[in-house]
């Protein structure tokens, strides 16, 4: 697991490994998680995405899910829900790469 403070710090990372999933907040410094998800989809990166947010609305969650998000969780997030979503995302990532 790696943690990044922003989308830009993720892009600038030294690791070249493709993540099994991304957990993104809708509101992040510099670029929204929704915009980042759109960019990933537009360049063909099929990384499973899980969204969390404390300030999301229905159109945001619909946008995320239509773009392929695995789950959209609202804060405060119960750790069981987040772990279940990560398990689902990693499972779909492994199946896609098999």
PDB file of N, CA and C in Angstrom:
ATOM      1  N   UNK A   1       0.838  -1.168   0.000  1.00  0.00           N
ATOM      2  CA  UNK A   1       0.000   0.000   0.000  1.00  0.00           C
ATOM      3  C   UNK A   1       0.884   1.232   0.000  1.00  0.00           C
ATOM      4  N   UNK A   2       0.481   2.212  -0.813  1.00  0.00           N
ATOM      5  CA  UNK A   2       1.163   3.501  -0.847  1.00  0.00           C
ATOM      6  C   UNK A   2       0.127   4.591  -0.654  1.00  0.00           C
ATOM      7  N   UNK A   3       0.525   5.665   0.011  1.00  0.00           N
ATOM      8  CA  UNK A   3      -0.361   6.791   0.264  1.00  0.00           C
ATOM      9  C   UNK A   3       0.261   8.036  -0.367  1.00  0.00           C
ATOM     10  N   UNK A   4      -0.570   8.808  -1.049  1.00  0.00           N
ATOM     11  CA  UNK A   4      -0.114  10.027  -1.709  1.00  0.00           C
ATOM     12  C   UNK A   4      -0.993  11.184  -1.280  1.00  0.00           C
ATOM     13  N   UNK A   5      -0.402  12.354  -1.124  1.00  0.00           N
ATOM     14  CA  UNK A   5      -1.126  13.534  -0.651  1.00  0.00           C
ATOM     15  C   UNK A   5      -1.984  14.173  -1.735  1.00  0.00           C
ATOM     16  N   UNK A   6      -1.672  13.875  -2.995  1.00  0.00           N
ATOM     17  CA  UNK A   6      -2.406  14.493  -4.102  1.00  0.00           C
ATOM     18  C   UNK A   6      -2.266  13.635  -5.349  1.00  0.00           C
ATOM     19  N   UNK A   7      -3.060  13.970  -6.345  1.00  0.00           N
ATOM     20  CA  UNK A   7      -2.950  13.286  -7.640  1.00  0.00           C
ATOM     21  C   UNK A   7      -1.558  13.504  -8.213  1.00  0.00           C
ATOM     22  N   UNK A   8      -1.065  14.734  -8.128  1.00  0.00           N
ATOM     23  CA  UNK A   8       0.251  15.045  -8.689  1.00  0.00           C
ATOM     24  C   UNK A   8       1.355  14.231  -8.017  1.00  0.00           C
ATOM     25  N   UNK A   9       1.281  14.033  -6.705  1.00  0.00           N
ATOM     26  CA  UNK A   9       2.312  13.226  -6.046  1.00  0.00           C
ATOM     27  C   UNK A   9       2.217  11.769  -6.485  1.00  0.00           C
ATOM     28  N   UNK A  10       1.023  11.286  -6.798  1.00  0.00           N
ATOM     29  CA  UNK A  10       0.877   9.932  -7.340  1.00  0.00           C
ATOM     30  C   UNK A  10       1.514   9.850  -8.727  1.00  0.00           C
ATOM     31  N   UNK A  11       1.240  10.831  -9.571  1.00  0.00           N
ATOM     32  CA  UNK A  11       1.791  10.849 -10.928  1.00  0.00           C
ATOM     33  C   UNK A  11       3.309  10.941 -10.892  1.00  0.00           C
ATOM     34  N   UNK A  12       3.859  11.695  -9.942  1.00  0.00           N
ATOM     35  CA  UNK A  12       5.303  11.893  -9.842  1.00  0.00           C
ATOM     36  C   UNK A  12       6.026  10.785  -9.090  1.00  0.00           C
ATOM     37  N   UNK A  13       5.319   9.756  -8.659  1.00  0.00           N
ATOM     38  CA  UNK A  13       5.929   8.700  -7.847  1.00  0.00           C
ATOM     39  C   UNK A  13       7.062   8.019  -8.611  1.00  0.00           C
ATOM     40  N   UNK A  14       7.987   7.469  -7.860  1.00  0.00           N
ATOM     41  CA  UNK A  14       9.124   6.787  -8.482  1.00  0.00           C
ATOM     42  C   UNK A  14       8.790   5.339  -8.818  1.00  0.00           C
ATOM     43  N   UNK A  15       7.783   4.784  -8.170  1.00  0.00           N
ATOM     44  CA  UNK A  15       7.377   3.407  -8.426  1.00  0.00           C
ATOM     45  C   UNK A  15       6.726   3.300  -9.800  1.00  0.00           C
ATOM     46  N   UNK A  16       7.071   2.256 -10.541  1.00  0.00           N
ATOM     47  CA  UNK A  16       6.464   2.064 -11.851  1.00  0.00           C
ATOM     48  C   UNK A  16       5.410   0.961 -11.826  1.00  0.00           C
ATOM     49  N   UNK A  17       5.165   0.396 -10.647  1.00  0.00           N
ATOM     50  CA  UNK A  17       4.167  -0.656 -10.527  1.00  0.00           C
ATOM     51  C   UNK A  17       2.769  -0.079 -10.698  1.00  0.00           C
ATOM     52  N   UNK A  18       1.942  -0.803 -11.419  1.00  0.00           N
ATOM     53  CA  UNK A  18       0.550  -0.412 -11.576  1.00  0.00           C
ATOM     54  C   UNK A  18      -0.206  -0.840 -10.326  1.00  0.00           C
ATOM     55  N   UNK A  19      -0.956   0.070  -9.726  1.00  0.00           N
ATOM     56  CA  UNK A  19      -1.690  -0.302  -8.513  1.00  0.00           C
ATOM     57  C   UNK A  19      -2.828  -1.273  -8.823  1.00  0.00           C
ATOM     58  N   UNK A  20      -3.169  -2.100  -7.833  1.00  0.00           N
ATOM     59  CA  UNK A  20      -4.304  -3.008  -7.980  1.00  0.00           C
ATOM     60  C   UNK A  20      -5.617  -2.259  -7.867  1.00  0.00           C
ATOM     61  N   UNK A  21      -5.617  -1.155  -7.135  1.00  0.00           N
ATOM     62  CA  UNK A  21      -6.789  -0.290  -7.045  1.00  0.00           C
ATOM     63  C   UNK A  21      -6.362   1.064  -6.499  1.00  0.00           C
ATOM     64  N   UNK A  22      -7.225   2.045  -6.694  1.00  0.00           N
ATOM     65  CA  UNK A  22      -7.004   3.374  -6.143  1.00  0.00           C
ATOM     66  C   UNK A  22      -8.186   3.728  -5.254  1.00  0.00           C
ATOM     67  N   UNK A  23      -7.892   4.304  -4.105  1.00  0.00           N
ATOM     68  CA  UNK A  23      -8.927   4.836  -3.230  1.00  0.00           C
ATOM     69  C   UNK A  23      -8.780   6.353  -3.315  1.00  0.00           C
ATOM     70  N   UNK A  24      -9.781   7.000  -3.885  1.00  0.00           N
ATOM     71  CA  UNK A  24      -9.724   8.431  -4.128  1.00  0.00           C
ATOM     72  C   UNK A  24     -10.835   9.151  -3.386  1.00  0.00           C
ATOM     73  N   UNK A  25     -10.529  10.353  -2.943  1.00  0.00           N
ATOM     74  CA  UNK A  25     -11.567  11.228  -2.410  1.00  0.00           C
ATOM     75  C   UNK A  25     -12.051  12.087  -3.575  1.00  0.00           C
ATOM     76  N   UNK A  26     -13.287  12.511  -3.529  1.00  0.00           N
ATOM     77  CA  UNK A  26     -13.795  13.401  -4.564  1.00  0.00           C
ATOM     78  C   UNK A  26     -13.018  14.709  -4.537  1.00  0.00           C
ATOM     79  N   UNK A  27     -12.804  15.237  -3.347  1.00  0.00           N
ATOM     80  CA  UNK A  27     -12.096  16.508  -3.190  1.00  0.00           C
ATOM     81  C   UNK A  27     -10.671  16.243  -2.732  1.00  0.00           C
ATOM     82  N   UNK A  28      -9.714  16.510  -3.617  1.00  0.00           N
ATOM     83  CA  UNK A  28      -8.302  16.324  -3.294  1.00  0.00           C
ATOM     84  C   UNK A  28      -7.538  17.577  -3.705  1.00  0.00           C
ATOM     85  N   UNK A  29      -6.384  17.826  -3.105  1.00  0.00           N
ATOM     86  CA  UNK A  29      -5.602  19.011  -3.466  1.00  0.00           C
ATOM     87  C   UNK A  29      -5.184  18.996  -4.937  1.00  0.00           C
ATOM     88  N   UNK A  30      -5.432  20.076  -5.626  1.00  0.00           N
ATOM     89  CA  UNK A  30      -4.948  20.228  -6.993  1.00  0.00           C
ATOM     90  C   UNK A  30      -5.869  19.687  -8.077  1.00  0.00           C
ATOM     91  N   UNK A  31      -6.466  18.549  -7.873  1.00  0.00           N
ATOM     92  CA  UNK A  31      -7.302  17.930  -8.896  1.00  0.00           C
ATOM     93  C   UNK A  31      -8.304  17.016  -8.213  1.00  0.00           C
ATOM     94  N   UNK A  32      -9.526  17.051  -8.666  1.00  0.00           N
ATOM     95  CA  UNK A  32     -10.530  16.201  -8.028  1.00  0.00           C
ATOM     96  C   UNK A  32     -10.321  14.741  -8.398  1.00  0.00           C
ATOM     97  N   UNK A  33     -10.753  13.872  -7.517  1.00  0.00           N
ATOM     98  CA  UNK A  33     -10.686  12.445  -7.805  1.00  0.00           C
ATOM     99  C   UNK A  33     -11.508  12.078  -9.026  1.00  0.00           C
ATOM    100  N   UNK A  34     -12.633  12.769  -9.222  1.00  0.00           N
ATOM    101  CA  UNK A  34     -13.478  12.507 -10.391  1.00  0.00           C
ATOM    102  C   UNK A  34     -12.759  12.868 -11.686  1.00  0.00           C
ATOM    103  N   UNK A  35     -12.060  14.005 -11.695  1.00  0.00           N
ATOM    104  CA  UNK A  35     -11.302  14.392 -12.886  1.00  0.00           C
ATOM    105  C   UNK A  35     -10.159  13.415 -13.145  1.00  0.00           C
ATOM    106  N   UNK A  36      -9.500  12.987 -12.089  1.00  0.00           N
ATOM    107  CA  UNK A  36      -8.406  12.028 -12.244  1.00  0.00           C
ATOM    108  C   UNK A  36      -8.927  10.705 -12.800  1.00  0.00           C
ATOM    109  N   UNK A  37     -10.060  10.242 -12.298  1.00  0.00           N
ATOM    110  CA  UNK A  37     -10.664   9.018 -12.820  1.00  0.00           C
ATOM    111  C   UNK A  37     -10.957   9.178 -14.312  1.00  0.00           C
ATOM    112  N   UNK A  38     -11.507  10.316 -14.720  1.00  0.00           N
ATOM    113  CA  UNK A  38     -11.801  10.567 -16.136  1.00  0.00           C
ATOM    114  C   UNK A  38     -10.538  10.524 -16.983  1.00  0.00           C
ATOM    115  N   UNK A  39      -9.459  11.100 -16.460  1.00  0.00           N
ATOM    116  CA  UNK A  39      -8.187  11.075 -17.179  1.00  0.00           C
ATOM    117  C   UNK A  39      -7.671   9.648 -17.344  1.00  0.00           C
ATOM    118  N   UNK A  40      -7.766   8.857 -16.281  1.00  0.00           N
ATOM    119  CA  UNK A  40      -7.317   7.467 -16.363  1.00  0.00           C
ATOM    120  C   UNK A  40      -8.118   6.704 -17.409  1.00  0.00           C
ATOM    121  N   UNK A  41      -9.428   6.880 -17.407  1.00  0.00           N
ATOM    122  CA  UNK A  41     -10.291   6.192 -18.373  1.00  0.00           C
ATOM    123  C   UNK A  41      -9.948   6.645 -19.790  1.00  0.00           C
ATOM    124  N   UNK A  42      -9.723   7.941 -19.983  1.00  0.00           N
ATOM    125  CA  UNK A  42      -9.468   8.462 -21.334  1.00  0.00           C
ATOM    126  C   UNK A  42      -8.159   7.962 -21.931  1.00  0.00           C
ATOM    127  N   UNK A  43      -7.180   7.609 -21.080  1.00  0.00           N
ATOM    128  CA  UNK A  43      -5.918   7.082 -21.598  1.00  0.00           C
ATOM    129  C   UNK A  43      -5.847   5.554 -21.521  1.00  0.00           C
ATOM    130  N   UNK A  44      -6.960   4.926 -21.157  1.00  0.00           N
ATOM    131  CA  UNK A  44      -7.034   3.478 -21.181  1.00  0.00           C
ATOM    132  C   UNK A  44      -6.509   2.749 -19.967  1.00  0.00           C
ATOM    133  N   UNK A  45      -6.299   3.454 -18.853  1.00  0.00           N
ATOM    134  CA  UNK A  45      -5.862   2.784 -17.628  1.00  0.00           C
ATOM    135  C   UNK A  45      -7.089   2.240 -16.911  1.00  0.00           C
ATOM    136  N   UNK A  46      -7.171   0.943 -16.820  1.00  0.00           N
ATOM    137  CA  UNK A  46      -8.331   0.287 -16.219  1.00  0.00           C
ATOM    138  C   UNK A  46      -8.070  -0.085 -14.767  1.00  0.00           C
ATOM    139  N   UNK A  47      -7.604   0.866 -13.981  1.00  0.00           N
ATOM    140  CA  UNK A  47      -7.352   0.624 -12.565  1.00  0.00           C
ATOM    141  C   UNK A  47      -8.676   0.755 -11.814  1.00  0.00           C
ATOM    142  N   UNK A  48      -9.068  -0.264 -11.043  1.00  0.00           N
ATOM    143  CA  UNK A  48     -10.297  -0.150 -10.264  1.00  0.00           C
ATOM    144  C   UNK A  48     -10.200   0.999  -9.258  1.00  0.00           C
ATOM    145  N   UNK A  49     -11.273   1.790  -9.175  1.00  0.00           N
ATOM    146  CA  UNK A  49     -11.292   2.964  -8.311  1.00  0.00           C
ATOM    147  C   UNK A  49     -12.415   2.840  -7.290  1.00  0.00           C
ATOM    148  N   UNK A  50     -12.083   3.199  -6.055  1.00  0.00           N
ATOM    149  CA  UNK A  50     -13.054   3.299  -4.969  1.00  0.00           C
ATOM    150  C   UNK A  50     -13.050   4.757  -4.546  1.00  0.00           C
ATOM    151  N   UNK A  51     -14.227   5.354  -4.454  1.00  0.00           N
ATOM    152  CA  UNK A  51     -14.333   6.733  -4.006  1.00  0.00           C
ATOM    153  C   UNK A  51     -14.826   6.786  -2.572  1.00  0.00           C
ATOM    154  N   UNK A  52     -14.290   7.765  -1.856  1.00  0.00           N
ATOM    155  CA  UNK A  52     -14.823   8.109  -0.536  1.00  0.00           C
ATOM    156  C   UNK A  52     -15.028   9.617  -0.530  1.00  0.00           C
ATOM    157  N   UNK A  53     -16.042  10.076   0.163  1.00  0.00           N
ATOM    158  CA  UNK A  53     -16.247  11.510   0.264  1.00  0.00           C
ATOM    159  C   UNK A  53     -17.189  11.841   1.397  1.00  0.00           C
ATOM    160  N   UNK A  54     -16.938  12.965   1.989  1.00  0.00           N
ATOM    161  CA  UNK A  54     -17.822  13.474   3.018  1.00  0.00           C
ATOM    162  C   UNK A  54     -18.686  14.604   2.501  1.00  0.00           C
ATOM    163  N   UNK A  55     -18.441  15.017   1.262  1.00  0.00           N
ATOM    164  CA  UNK A  55     -19.162  16.164   0.712  1.00  0.00           C
ATOM    165  C   UNK A  55     -19.671  15.893  -0.695  1.00  0.00           C
ATOM    166  N   UNK A  56     -20.022  14.681  -0.981  1.00  0.00           N
ATOM    167  CA  UNK A  56     -20.467  14.333  -2.327  1.00  0.00           C
ATOM    168  C   UNK A  56     -21.975  14.471  -2.444  1.00  0.00           C
ATOM    169  N   UNK A  57     -22.409  14.592  -3.681  1.00  0.00           N
ATOM    170  CA  UNK A  57     -23.835  14.600  -3.951  1.00  0.00           C
ATOM    171  C   UNK A  57     -24.151  13.463  -4.931  1.00  0.00           C
ATOM    172  N   UNK A  58     -25.409  13.289  -5.221  1.00  0.00           N
ATOM    173  CA  UNK A  58     -25.819  12.181  -6.083  1.00  0.00           C
ATOM    174  C   UNK A  58     -25.208  12.289  -7.477  1.00  0.00           C
ATOM    175  N   UNK A  59     -25.200  13.457  -8.128  1.00  0.00           N
ATOM    176  CA  UNK A  59     -24.563  13.525  -9.446  1.00  0.00           C
ATOM    177  C   UNK A  59     -23.086  13.103  -9.440  1.00  0.00           C
ATOM    178  N   UNK A  60     -22.368  13.432  -8.362  1.00  0.00           N
ATOM    179  CA  UNK A  60     -20.964  13.009  -8.265  1.00  0.00           C
ATOM    180  C   UNK A  60     -20.851  11.501  -8.208  1.00  0.00           C
ATOM    181  N   UNK A  61     -21.678  10.877  -7.386  1.00  0.00           N
ATOM    182  CA  UNK A  61     -21.600   9.419  -7.263  1.00  0.00           C
ATOM    183  C   UNK A  61     -22.031   8.739  -8.560  1.00  0.00           C
ATOM    184  N   UNK A  62     -23.026   9.286  -9.231  1.00  0.00           N
ATOM    185  CA  UNK A  62     -23.453   8.726 -10.518  1.00  0.00           C
ATOM    186  C   UNK A  62     -22.329   8.848 -11.537  1.00  0.00           C
ATOM    187  N   UNK A  63     -21.682  10.012 -11.592  1.00  0.00           N
ATOM    188  CA  UNK A  63     -20.562  10.209 -12.523  1.00  0.00           C
ATOM    189  C   UNK A  63     -19.456   9.184 -12.276  1.00  0.00           C
ATOM    190  N   UNK A  64     -19.116   8.992 -11.011  1.00  0.00           N
ATOM    191  CA  UNK A  64     -18.054   8.042 -10.661  1.00  0.00           C
ATOM    192  C   UNK A  64     -18.422   6.623 -11.065  1.00  0.00           C
ATOM    193  N   UNK A  65     -19.644   6.225 -10.768  1.00  0.00           N
ATOM    194  CA  UNK A  65     -20.059   4.851 -11.067  1.00  0.00           C
ATOM    195  C   UNK A  65     -20.172   4.623 -12.574  1.00  0.00           C
ATOM    196  N   UNK A  66     -20.676   5.616 -13.317  1.00  0.00           N
ATOM    197  CA  UNK A  66     -20.770   5.482 -14.777  1.00  0.00           C
ATOM    198  C   UNK A  66     -19.392   5.363 -15.406  1.00  0.00           C
ATOM    199  N   UNK A  67     -18.387   5.978 -14.774  1.00  0.00           N
ATOM    200  CA  UNK A  67     -17.019   5.901 -15.287  1.00  0.00           C
ATOM    201  C   UNK A  67     -16.316   4.624 -14.840  1.00  0.00           C
ATOM    202  N   UNK A  68     -17.017   3.775 -14.071  1.00  0.00           N
ATOM    203  CA  UNK A  68     -16.458   2.479 -13.721  1.00  0.00           C
ATOM    204  C   UNK A  68     -15.986   2.298 -12.297  1.00  0.00           C
ATOM    205  N   UNK A  69     -16.305   3.223 -11.412  1.00  0.00           N
ATOM    206  CA  UNK A  69     -15.889   3.057 -10.010  1.00  0.00           C
ATOM    207  C   UNK A  69     -16.473   1.774  -9.439  1.00  0.00           C
ATOM    208  N   UNK A  70     -15.695   1.106  -8.621  1.00  0.00           N
ATOM    209  CA  UNK A  70     -16.130  -0.129  -7.961  1.00  0.00           C
ATOM    210  C   UNK A  70     -17.139   0.182  -6.860  1.00  0.00           C
ATOM    211  N   UNK A  71     -16.894   1.286  -6.133  1.00  0.00           N
ATOM    212  CA  UNK A  71     -17.742   1.638  -4.993  1.00  0.00           C
ATOM    213  C   UNK A  71     -17.626   3.130  -4.738  1.00  0.00           C
ATOM    214  N   UNK A  72     -18.648   3.698  -4.123  1.00  0.00           N
ATOM    215  CA  UNK A  72     -18.649   5.105  -3.719  1.00  0.00           C
ATOM    216  C   UNK A  72     -19.143   5.141  -2.282  1.00  0.00           C
ATOM    217  N   UNK A  73     -18.222   5.386  -1.364  1.00  0.00           N
ATOM    218  CA  UNK A  73     -18.524   5.348   0.073  1.00  0.00           C
ATOM    219  C   UNK A  73     -18.568   6.762   0.639  1.00  0.00           C
ATOM    220  N   UNK A  74     -19.445   6.968   1.611  1.00  0.00           N
ATOM    221  CA  UNK A  74     -19.532   8.277   2.246  1.00  0.00           C
ATOM    222  C   UNK A  74     -18.885   8.235   3.626  1.00  0.00           C
ATOM    223  N   UNK A  75     -18.245   9.352   3.971  1.00  0.00           N
ATOM    224  CA  UNK A  75     -17.599   9.481   5.279  1.00  0.00           C
ATOM    225  C   UNK A  75     -18.657   9.764   6.329  1.00  0.00           C
ATOM    226  N   UNK A  76     -18.499   9.275   7.518  1.00  0.00           N
ATOM    227  CA  UNK A  76     -17.390   8.423   7.953  1.00  0.00           C
ATOM    228  C   UNK A  76     -17.556   7.014   7.402  1.00  0.00           C
ATOM    229  N   UNK A  77     -16.477   6.478   6.894  1.00  0.00           N
ATOM    230  CA  UNK A  77     -16.475   5.151   6.275  1.00  0.00           C
ATOM    231  C   UNK A  77     -16.197   4.099   7.343  1.00  0.00           C
ATOM    232  N   UNK A  78     -17.043   3.107   7.407  1.00  0.00           N
ATOM    233  CA  UNK A  78     -16.779   1.973   8.293  1.00  0.00           C
ATOM    234  C   UNK A  78     -15.670   1.144   7.662  1.00  0.00           C
ATOM    235  N   UNK A  79     -14.691   0.748   8.483  1.00  0.00           N
ATOM    236  CA  UNK A  79     -13.536   0.032   7.932  1.00  0.00           C
ATOM    237  C   UNK A  79     -13.943  -1.269   7.250  1.00  0.00           C
ATOM    238  N   UNK A  80     -15.015  -1.917   7.706  1.00  0.00           N
ATOM    239  CA  UNK A  80     -15.463  -3.162   7.061  1.00  0.00           C
ATOM    240  C   UNK A  80     -15.924  -2.894   5.625  1.00  0.00           C
ATOM    241  N   UNK A  81     -16.605  -1.764   5.424  1.00  0.00           N
ATOM    242  CA  UNK A  81     -17.065  -1.412   4.078  1.00  0.00           C
ATOM    243  C   UNK A  81     -15.887  -1.117   3.157  1.00  0.00           C
ATOM    244  N   UNK A  82     -14.910  -0.386   3.678  1.00  0.00           N
ATOM    245  CA  UNK A  82     -13.742  -0.050   2.868  1.00  0.00           C
ATOM    246  C   UNK A  82     -12.945  -1.299   2.529  1.00  0.00           C
ATOM    247  N   UNK A  83     -12.733  -2.170   3.498  1.00  0.00           N
ATOM    248  CA  UNK A  83     -11.995  -3.407   3.235  1.00  0.00           C
ATOM    249  C   UNK A  83     -12.725  -4.296   2.225  1.00  0.00           C
ATOM    250  N   UNK A  84     -14.048  -4.362   2.318  1.00  0.00           N
ATOM    251  CA  UNK A  84     -14.821  -5.154   1.362  1.00  0.00           C
ATOM    252  C   UNK A  84     -14.691  -4.571  -0.040  1.00  0.00           C
ATOM    253  N   UNK A  85     -14.734  -3.247  -0.152  1.00  0.00           N
ATOM    254  CA  UNK A  85     -14.592  -2.604  -1.455  1.00  0.00           C
ATOM    255  C   UNK A  85     -13.196  -2.831  -2.033  1.00  0.00           C
ATOM    256  N   UNK A  86     -12.170  -2.732  -1.194  1.00  0.00           N
ATOM    257  CA  UNK A  86     -10.799  -2.973  -1.657  1.00  0.00           C
ATOM    258  C   UNK A  86     -10.645  -4.416  -2.109  1.00  0.00           C
ATOM    259  N   UNK A  87     -11.198  -5.339  -1.360  1.00  0.00           N
ATOM    260  CA  UNK A  87     -11.140  -6.753  -1.735  1.00  0.00           C
ATOM    261  C   UNK A  87     -11.790  -6.980  -3.095  1.00  0.00           C
ATOM    262  N   UNK A  88     -12.939  -6.379  -3.312  1.00  0.00           N
ATOM    263  CA  UNK A  88     -13.629  -6.492  -4.594  1.00  0.00           C
ATOM    264  C   UNK A  88     -12.797  -5.883  -5.714  1.00  0.00           C
ATOM    265  N   UNK A  89     -12.226  -4.706  -5.461  1.00  0.00           N
ATOM    266  CA  UNK A  89     -11.418  -4.019  -6.473  1.00  0.00           C
ATOM    267  C   UNK A  89     -10.164  -4.809  -6.827  1.00  0.00           C
ATOM    268  N   UNK A  90      -9.464  -5.301  -5.821  1.00  0.00           N
ATOM    269  CA  UNK A  90      -8.249  -6.080  -6.080  1.00  0.00           C
ATOM    270  C   UNK A  90      -8.604  -7.368  -6.822  1.00  0.00           C
ATOM    271  N   UNK A  91      -9.703  -7.995  -6.441  1.00  0.00           N
ATOM    272  CA  UNK A  91     -10.148  -9.201  -7.142  1.00  0.00           C
ATOM    273  C   UNK A  91     -10.450  -8.931  -8.594  1.00  0.00           C
ATOM    274  N   UNK A  92     -11.078  -7.792  -8.879  1.00  0.00           N
ATOM    275  CA  UNK A  92     -11.376  -7.474 -10.280  1.00  0.00           C
ATOM    276  C   UNK A  92     -10.112  -7.123 -11.043  1.00  0.00           C
ATOM    277  N   UNK A  93      -9.141  -6.502 -10.365  1.00  0.00           N
ATOM    278  CA  UNK A  93      -7.874  -6.165 -10.998  1.00  0.00           C
ATOM    279  C   UNK A  93      -7.087  -7.429 -11.343  1.00  0.00           C
ATOM    280  N   UNK A  94      -7.061  -8.371 -10.425  1.00  0.00           N
ATOM    281  CA  UNK A  94      -6.346  -9.632 -10.663  1.00  0.00           C
ATOM    282  C   UNK A  94      -7.010 -10.413 -11.801  1.00  0.00           C
ATOM    283  N   UNK A  95      -8.339 -10.453 -11.814  1.00  0.00           N
ATOM    284  CA  UNK A  95      -9.050 -11.153 -12.874  1.00  0.00           C
ATOM    285  C   UNK A  95      -8.815 -10.509 -14.232  1.00  0.00           C
ATOM    286  N   UNK A  96      -8.747  -9.177 -14.277  1.00  0.00           N
ATOM    287  CA  UNK A  96      -8.522  -8.473 -15.540  1.00  0.00           C
ATOM    288  C   UNK A  96      -7.115  -8.713 -16.079  1.00  0.00           C
ATOM    289  N   UNK A  97      -6.163  -8.938 -15.181  1.00  0.00           N
ATOM    290  CA  UNK A  97      -4.772  -9.139 -15.600  1.00  0.00           C
ATOM    291  C   UNK A  97      -4.408 -10.603 -15.788  1.00  0.00           C
ATOM    292  N   UNK A  98      -5.343 -11.504 -15.541  1.00  0.00           N
ATOM    293  CA  UNK A  98      -5.055 -12.938 -15.666  1.00  0.00           C
ATOM    294  C   UNK A  98      -5.143 -13.404 -17.098  1.00  0.00           C
TER     295      UNK A  98
END
